[in-house]
Each structure stands twice: as structure tokens, then as C-alpha cells.
Amino acid sequence: ELVGSGPAWRVTLGRLFVDDHMGRDLPAGIVVARNKRTYTLLMTVGDIRELYSDACHYADSMGEWLEDDDTGYARSVIQAAARVVEALRKQVPDILV
């Protein structure tokens, strides 16, 4: 599909990490469908790589955030980030190279 002036990929991802990512005003594409647990997004290469980089950072490097996690929110976002990493590796592996 085309978005603006370039190609885009339709990707389905869990909402928790995507909401956190977009809540920090980072690009995540266009939400084209949603349900209780997931978004279907139309994403450019730049959107995919930005979200993947952010999710990898949270999944791999945010362990210290858990030390002050009284509510369980940090753990849930870190776990959600790991699921986004896995989903992107399955759905758009060629874009992540």
C-alpha cells in the first residue's frame, strides 16, 4: 500500500507498548483498525524501524525501571515491548535489516 509518497505495510501489534510509544509523540504509523488488545497499523519503513528500535530498548535495557515499579506498569510495558519485537520480526523481517 502507499501512504503519502511511499510504501507502507499493514502490521498488527499489541496496544500497550504502541500506546506508550505514541504517548511519547514517537511515530507509529496510522491506526487503521483496533480491538481491545491490538492495533492494525499502516506503517512506513521509518515508522517500523523507529518502533522496533524503541521496543528493543525497552525489552533489553529497561530492567532498572523495575526497581521503582510499585504498580506493575513497568513490567507490563517491558513485556509488551518484547511482544512487539517478536511480532515485527515475524511480520516484517525484511524491513528490520
N, C-alpha and C. Protein backbone atom coordinates (compact mmCIF):
# COMPACT_ATOMS: atom_id res chain seq x y z
N GLU A 1 0.84 -1.18 0.00
CA GLU A 1 0.00 0.00 0.00
C GLU A 1 0.89 1.25 0.00
N LEU A 2 0.31 2.34 -0.40
CA LEU A 2 1.05 3.59 -0.42
C LEU A 2 0.48 4.54 0.62
N VAL A 3 1.38 5.19 1.35
CA VAL A 3 0.99 6.23 2.31
C VAL A 3 1.80 7.45 1.95
N GLY A 4 1.14 8.56 1.71
CA GLY A 4 1.86 9.75 1.30
C GLY A 4 2.60 9.46 0.01
N SER A 5 3.91 9.50 0.06
CA SER A 5 4.68 9.30 -1.16
C SER A 5 5.45 7.98 -1.17
N GLY A 6 5.18 7.09 -0.20
CA GLY A 6 5.96 5.86 -0.17
C GLY A 6 5.14 4.66 0.23
N PRO A 7 5.77 3.49 0.15
CA PRO A 7 5.08 2.25 0.51
C PRO A 7 4.84 2.15 2.01
N ALA A 8 3.83 1.37 2.37
CA ALA A 8 3.52 1.14 3.78
C ALA A 8 3.13 -0.32 3.95
N TRP A 9 3.32 -0.81 5.15
CA TRP A 9 3.00 -2.18 5.49
C TRP A 9 1.91 -2.19 6.55
N ARG A 10 1.00 -3.15 6.43
CA ARG A 10 -0.07 -3.34 7.41
C ARG A 10 0.47 -4.30 8.46
N VAL A 11 0.53 -3.84 9.71
CA VAL A 11 1.11 -4.61 10.80
C VAL A 11 0.13 -4.61 11.97
N THR A 12 -0.03 -5.76 12.62
CA THR A 12 -0.90 -5.86 13.78
C THR A 12 -0.05 -6.08 15.02
N LEU A 13 -0.21 -5.19 16.00
CA LEU A 13 0.62 -5.19 17.21
C LEU A 13 -0.25 -4.95 18.44
N GLY A 14 0.25 -5.41 19.58
CA GLY A 14 -0.42 -5.16 20.85
C GLY A 14 -0.47 -3.68 21.18
N ARG A 15 -1.58 -3.28 21.78
CA ARG A 15 -1.81 -1.85 22.03
C ARG A 15 -0.95 -1.27 23.15
N LEU A 16 -0.61 -2.04 24.17
CA LEU A 16 0.03 -1.46 25.36
C LEU A 16 1.32 -0.73 25.02
N PHE A 17 2.25 -1.40 24.34
CA PHE A 17 3.51 -0.73 24.03
C PHE A 17 3.31 0.34 22.96
N VAL A 18 2.46 0.08 21.98
CA VAL A 18 2.22 1.09 20.94
C VAL A 18 1.64 2.36 21.56
N ASP A 19 0.71 2.20 22.50
CA ASP A 19 0.16 3.38 23.19
C ASP A 19 1.25 4.14 23.95
N ASP A 20 2.13 3.41 24.63
CA ASP A 20 3.22 4.04 25.35
C ASP A 20 4.13 4.80 24.37
N HIS A 21 4.46 4.16 23.27
CA HIS A 21 5.32 4.75 22.24
C HIS A 21 4.69 6.02 21.67
N MET A 22 3.43 5.93 21.27
CA MET A 22 2.75 7.10 20.70
C MET A 22 2.53 8.18 21.76
N GLY A 23 2.37 7.77 23.02
CA GLY A 23 2.20 8.73 24.11
C GLY A 23 3.43 9.60 24.33
N ARG A 24 4.57 9.15 23.81
CA ARG A 24 5.81 9.94 23.86
C ARG A 24 6.04 10.66 22.54
N ASP A 25 4.98 10.81 21.75
CA ASP A 25 5.00 11.52 20.46
C ASP A 25 6.01 10.94 19.48
N LEU A 26 6.17 9.61 19.50
CA LEU A 26 7.04 8.94 18.55
C LEU A 26 6.19 8.35 17.43
N PRO A 27 6.74 8.27 16.22
CA PRO A 27 5.96 7.79 15.08
C PRO A 27 5.64 6.30 15.18
N ALA A 28 4.41 5.95 14.84
CA ALA A 28 3.99 4.55 14.85
C ALA A 28 3.04 4.24 13.71
N GLY A 29 2.99 5.09 12.73
CA GLY A 29 2.10 4.84 11.60
C GLY A 29 0.69 5.32 11.88
N ILE A 30 -0.23 4.80 11.10
CA ILE A 30 -1.64 5.20 11.16
C ILE A 30 -2.45 4.01 11.63
N VAL A 31 -3.25 4.20 12.66
CA VAL A 31 -4.13 3.14 13.14
C VAL A 31 -5.28 3.01 12.15
N VAL A 32 -5.42 1.83 11.54
CA VAL A 32 -6.49 1.61 10.57
C VAL A 32 -7.57 0.67 11.13
N ALA A 33 -7.26 -0.04 12.21
CA ALA A 33 -8.25 -0.89 12.87
C ALA A 33 -7.77 -1.12 14.30
N ARG A 34 -8.73 -1.38 15.18
CA ARG A 34 -8.37 -1.62 16.57
C ARG A 34 -9.39 -2.56 17.18
N ASN A 35 -8.94 -3.30 18.17
CA ASN A 35 -9.84 -4.03 19.03
C ASN A 35 -9.33 -3.85 20.45
N LYS A 36 -9.82 -4.63 21.36
CA LYS A 36 -9.46 -4.44 22.77
C LYS A 36 -7.96 -4.60 23.03
N ARG A 37 -7.30 -5.48 22.28
CA ARG A 37 -5.91 -5.80 22.55
C ARG A 37 -4.90 -5.36 21.51
N THR A 38 -5.35 -5.16 20.27
CA THR A 38 -4.39 -4.87 19.20
C THR A 38 -4.80 -3.67 18.35
N TYR A 39 -3.78 -3.14 17.67
CA TYR A 39 -3.98 -2.16 16.61
C TYR A 39 -3.52 -2.81 15.32
N THR A 40 -4.19 -2.50 14.24
CA THR A 40 -3.64 -2.74 12.92
C THR A 40 -3.19 -1.38 12.43
N LEU A 41 -1.92 -1.30 12.09
CA LEU A 41 -1.29 -0.03 11.72
C LEU A 41 -0.82 -0.08 10.28
N LEU A 42 -0.89 1.03 9.60
CA LEU A 42 -0.27 1.20 8.31
C LEU A 42 1.03 1.95 8.59
N MET A 43 2.17 1.30 8.34
CA MET A 43 3.46 1.83 8.78
C MET A 43 4.44 1.93 7.62
N THR A 44 5.19 3.04 7.60
CA THR A 44 6.28 3.19 6.65
C THR A 44 7.51 2.47 7.20
N VAL A 45 8.53 2.36 6.37
CA VAL A 45 9.80 1.77 6.83
C VAL A 45 10.32 2.53 8.04
N GLY A 46 10.27 3.86 7.99
CA GLY A 46 10.74 4.67 9.10
C GLY A 46 9.95 4.43 10.38
N ASP A 47 8.62 4.31 10.25
CA ASP A 47 7.78 4.02 11.42
C ASP A 47 8.16 2.68 12.04
N ILE A 48 8.30 1.67 11.18
CA ILE A 48 8.62 0.32 11.66
C ILE A 48 9.95 0.31 12.38
N ARG A 49 10.95 0.91 11.77
CA ARG A 49 12.30 0.89 12.37
C ARG A 49 12.34 1.68 13.67
N GLU A 50 11.64 2.79 13.74
CA GLU A 50 11.59 3.58 14.98
C GLU A 50 10.92 2.80 16.10
N LEU A 51 9.77 2.21 15.81
CA LEU A 51 9.05 1.43 16.83
C LEU A 51 9.87 0.22 17.25
N TYR A 52 10.49 -0.45 16.29
CA TYR A 52 11.32 -1.62 16.60
C TYR A 52 12.50 -1.24 17.50
N SER A 53 13.17 -0.14 17.18
CA SER A 53 14.29 0.32 17.99
C SER A 53 13.85 0.62 19.42
N ASP A 54 12.74 1.31 19.54
CA ASP A 54 12.22 1.67 20.86
C ASP A 54 11.82 0.42 21.64
N ALA A 55 11.15 -0.51 20.98
CA ALA A 55 10.72 -1.74 21.65
C ALA A 55 11.93 -2.57 22.08
N CYS A 56 12.95 -2.65 21.24
CA CYS A 56 14.17 -3.38 21.62
C CYS A 56 14.81 -2.74 22.85
N HIS A 57 14.86 -1.42 22.87
CA HIS A 57 15.45 -0.71 24.01
C HIS A 57 14.70 -1.06 25.30
N TYR A 58 13.39 -1.00 25.25
CA TYR A 58 12.59 -1.32 26.44
C TYR A 58 12.74 -2.78 26.84
N ALA A 59 12.70 -3.67 25.86
CA ALA A 59 12.77 -5.11 26.15
C ALA A 59 14.13 -5.52 26.71
N ASP A 60 15.19 -4.86 26.25
CA ASP A 60 16.54 -5.28 26.61
C ASP A 60 17.24 -4.43 27.66
N SER A 61 16.84 -3.17 27.80
CA SER A 61 17.67 -2.25 28.59
C SER A 61 16.94 -1.52 29.71
N MET A 62 15.69 -1.83 29.94
CA MET A 62 14.94 -1.05 30.92
C MET A 62 14.74 -1.79 32.25
N GLY A 63 15.57 -2.79 32.52
CA GLY A 63 15.44 -3.55 33.75
C GLY A 63 15.50 -2.71 35.01
N GLU A 64 16.30 -1.64 34.99
CA GLU A 64 16.43 -0.78 36.17
C GLU A 64 15.11 -0.08 36.50
N TRP A 65 14.27 0.07 35.51
CA TRP A 65 12.95 0.69 35.71
C TRP A 65 12.11 -0.16 36.66
N LEU A 66 12.38 -1.46 36.68
CA LEU A 66 11.60 -2.37 37.53
C LEU A 66 11.83 -2.12 39.01
N GLU A 67 13.00 -1.56 39.37
CA GLU A 67 13.32 -1.33 40.77
C GLU A 67 12.33 -0.40 41.46
N ASP A 68 11.78 0.55 40.74
CA ASP A 68 10.83 1.51 41.31
C ASP A 68 9.40 1.24 40.85
N ASP A 69 9.13 0.00 40.43
CA ASP A 69 7.83 -0.33 39.84
C ASP A 69 6.88 -0.88 40.91
N ASP A 70 6.20 0.02 41.60
CA ASP A 70 5.26 -0.39 42.64
C ASP A 70 3.93 -0.85 42.06
N THR A 71 3.60 -0.42 40.85
CA THR A 71 2.28 -0.70 40.29
C THR A 71 2.27 -1.88 39.32
N GLY A 72 3.42 -2.31 38.85
CA GLY A 72 3.49 -3.36 37.84
C GLY A 72 3.44 -2.82 36.42
N TYR A 73 3.29 -1.49 36.29
CA TYR A 73 3.21 -0.90 34.95
C TYR A 73 4.50 -1.12 34.16
N ALA A 74 5.63 -0.89 34.78
CA ALA A 74 6.92 -1.05 34.07
C ALA A 74 7.06 -2.47 33.55
N ARG A 75 6.78 -3.44 34.38
CA ARG A 75 6.90 -4.84 33.96
C ARG A 75 5.98 -5.11 32.76
N SER A 76 4.76 -4.61 32.81
CA SER A 76 3.83 -4.86 31.71
C SER A 76 4.29 -4.19 30.41
N VAL A 77 4.84 -2.98 30.50
CA VAL A 77 5.33 -2.30 29.29
C VAL A 77 6.56 -3.01 28.74
N ILE A 78 7.46 -3.45 29.59
CA ILE A 78 8.66 -4.17 29.14
C ILE A 78 8.25 -5.48 28.46
N GLN A 79 7.32 -6.20 29.04
CA GLN A 79 6.84 -7.44 28.43
C GLN A 79 6.12 -7.16 27.11
N ALA A 80 5.34 -6.09 27.07
CA ALA A 80 4.65 -5.72 25.84
C ALA A 80 5.66 -5.34 24.75
N ALA A 81 6.74 -4.66 25.13
CA ALA A 81 7.79 -4.30 24.17
C ALA A 81 8.40 -5.55 23.57
N ALA A 82 8.67 -6.55 24.39
CA ALA A 82 9.23 -7.81 23.89
C ALA A 82 8.27 -8.48 22.90
N ARG A 83 6.98 -8.41 23.16
CA ARG A 83 5.99 -8.98 22.23
C ARG A 83 5.97 -8.20 20.91
N VAL A 84 6.14 -6.88 20.96
CA VAL A 84 6.19 -6.07 19.74
C VAL A 84 7.43 -6.44 18.93
N VAL A 85 8.56 -6.60 19.59
CA VAL A 85 9.78 -7.01 18.89
C VAL A 85 9.54 -8.32 18.14
N GLU A 86 8.98 -9.29 18.83
CA GLU A 86 8.71 -10.60 18.22
C GLU A 86 7.72 -10.48 17.07
N ALA A 87 6.67 -9.71 17.26
CA ALA A 87 5.66 -9.54 16.21
C ALA A 87 6.25 -8.89 14.96
N LEU A 88 7.07 -7.86 15.15
CA LEU A 88 7.69 -7.21 13.99
C LEU A 88 8.67 -8.14 13.29
N ARG A 89 9.40 -8.94 14.05
CA ARG A 89 10.33 -9.91 13.44
C ARG A 89 9.57 -10.92 12.59
N LYS A 90 8.37 -11.27 13.00
CA LYS A 90 7.56 -12.23 12.23
C LYS A 90 6.88 -11.58 11.04
N GLN A 91 6.36 -10.37 11.22
CA GLN A 91 5.52 -9.75 10.18
C GLN A 91 6.31 -8.99 9.12
N VAL A 92 7.42 -8.36 9.50
CA VAL A 92 8.18 -7.54 8.53
C VAL A 92 9.69 -7.75 8.69
N PRO A 93 10.16 -8.99 8.66
CA PRO A 93 11.58 -9.24 8.91
C PRO A 93 12.52 -8.54 7.95
N ASP A 94 12.13 -8.40 6.69
CA ASP A 94 13.00 -7.77 5.70
C ASP A 94 13.20 -6.28 5.95
N ILE A 95 12.25 -5.64 6.65
CA ILE A 95 12.33 -4.20 6.91
C ILE A 95 13.32 -3.92 8.05
N LEU A 96 13.54 -4.90 8.91
CA LEU A 96 14.35 -4.68 10.10
C LEU A 96 15.84 -4.84 9.85
N VAL A 97 16.21 -5.24 8.65
CA VAL A 97 17.63 -5.49 8.33
C VAL A 97 18.37 -4.19 8.18
